Amino acid sequence: MDNIGGEQGLYRPDSYFNKLEDAGWVELEDKRLGHVQFFEKEGTVIAIEIHEDTFDIHEMNKDAKY
């Protein structure tokens, strides 16, 4: 994606994140770590790592410490 992240990955793609929330994903704002943001839905937690012009999505292990 173009024009997301910025040099330090701090600018999230709001249109994509709005679609996540519309689909029932809830942001775990207290877990946010700079350019990594966490969402939960039905017991599944994902981490979205934002970079300049890209982002990665990781499903967290059930016993992961984050």
Protein backbone atom coordinates (compact mmCIF):
# COMPACT_ATOMS: atom_id res chain seq x y z
CA MET A 1 0.00 0.00 0.00
CA ASP A 2 1.27 3.44 -0.82
CA ASN A 3 1.34 6.30 1.65
CA ILE A 4 0.99 4.35 4.87
CA GLY A 5 3.34 3.93 7.75
CA GLY A 6 5.64 6.86 7.22
CA GLU A 7 9.36 6.46 7.79
CA GLN A 8 8.89 4.97 11.26
CA GLY A 9 5.70 2.99 10.61
CA LEU A 10 3.60 5.15 12.93
CA TYR A 11 0.78 6.05 10.49
CA ARG A 12 -1.74 3.27 10.16
CA PRO A 13 -3.97 2.69 7.12
CA ASP A 14 -7.23 3.91 8.70
CA SER A 15 -9.51 2.62 5.93
CA TYR A 16 -8.15 -0.91 6.45
CA PHE A 17 -8.37 -0.66 10.25
CA ASN A 18 -11.96 0.60 10.00
CA LYS A 19 -12.83 -2.52 7.98
CA LEU A 20 -11.26 -4.71 10.67
CA GLU A 21 -13.40 -3.04 13.30
CA ASP A 22 -16.51 -3.37 11.10
CA ALA A 23 -15.77 -7.12 10.90
CA GLY A 24 -15.74 -7.39 14.70
CA TRP A 25 -12.03 -7.06 15.49
CA VAL A 26 -11.38 -5.01 18.64
CA GLU A 27 -8.14 -3.08 19.00
CA LEU A 28 -6.21 -3.80 22.20
CA GLU A 29 -5.05 -0.21 22.58
CA ASP A 30 -3.24 -0.85 25.87
CA LYS A 31 -1.01 -3.40 24.09
CA ARG A 32 0.10 -1.05 21.27
CA LEU A 33 3.89 -0.98 20.84
CA GLY A 34 4.87 1.86 18.50
CA HIS A 35 4.37 0.49 14.99
CA VAL A 36 2.77 -2.80 16.21
CA GLN A 37 -0.94 -2.85 16.99
CA PHE A 38 -2.99 -5.76 18.35
CA PHE A 39 -6.58 -6.78 17.62
CA GLU A 40 -8.75 -9.54 19.12
CA LYS A 41 -11.81 -11.38 17.83
CA GLU A 42 -13.39 -14.49 19.31
CA GLY A 43 -10.25 -15.40 21.28
CA THR A 44 -7.84 -14.88 18.37
CA VAL A 45 -5.26 -12.12 18.66
CA ILE A 46 -3.44 -10.67 15.67
CA ALA A 47 -0.51 -8.26 15.59
CA ILE A 48 -0.28 -5.79 12.72
CA GLU A 49 3.24 -4.49 12.19
CA ILE A 50 3.24 -1.31 10.09
CA HIS A 51 6.18 -0.31 7.92
CA GLU A 52 6.62 2.38 5.30
CA ASP A 53 4.20 1.40 2.47
CA THR A 54 3.60 -2.15 3.83
CA PHE A 55 2.26 -3.99 6.84
CA ASP A 56 2.52 -7.56 8.16
CA ILE A 57 -0.17 -9.49 10.01
CA HIS A 58 0.78 -12.17 12.54
CA GLU A 59 -1.55 -14.46 14.47
CA MET A 60 -0.39 -14.66 18.05
CA ASN A 61 0.06 -17.98 19.84
CA LYS A 62 -2.49 -18.52 22.59
CA ASP A 63 0.24 -18.44 25.28
CA ALA A 64 2.25 -15.53 23.82
CA LYS A 65 3.29 -12.70 26.12
CA TYR A 66 2.67 -9.34 24.47
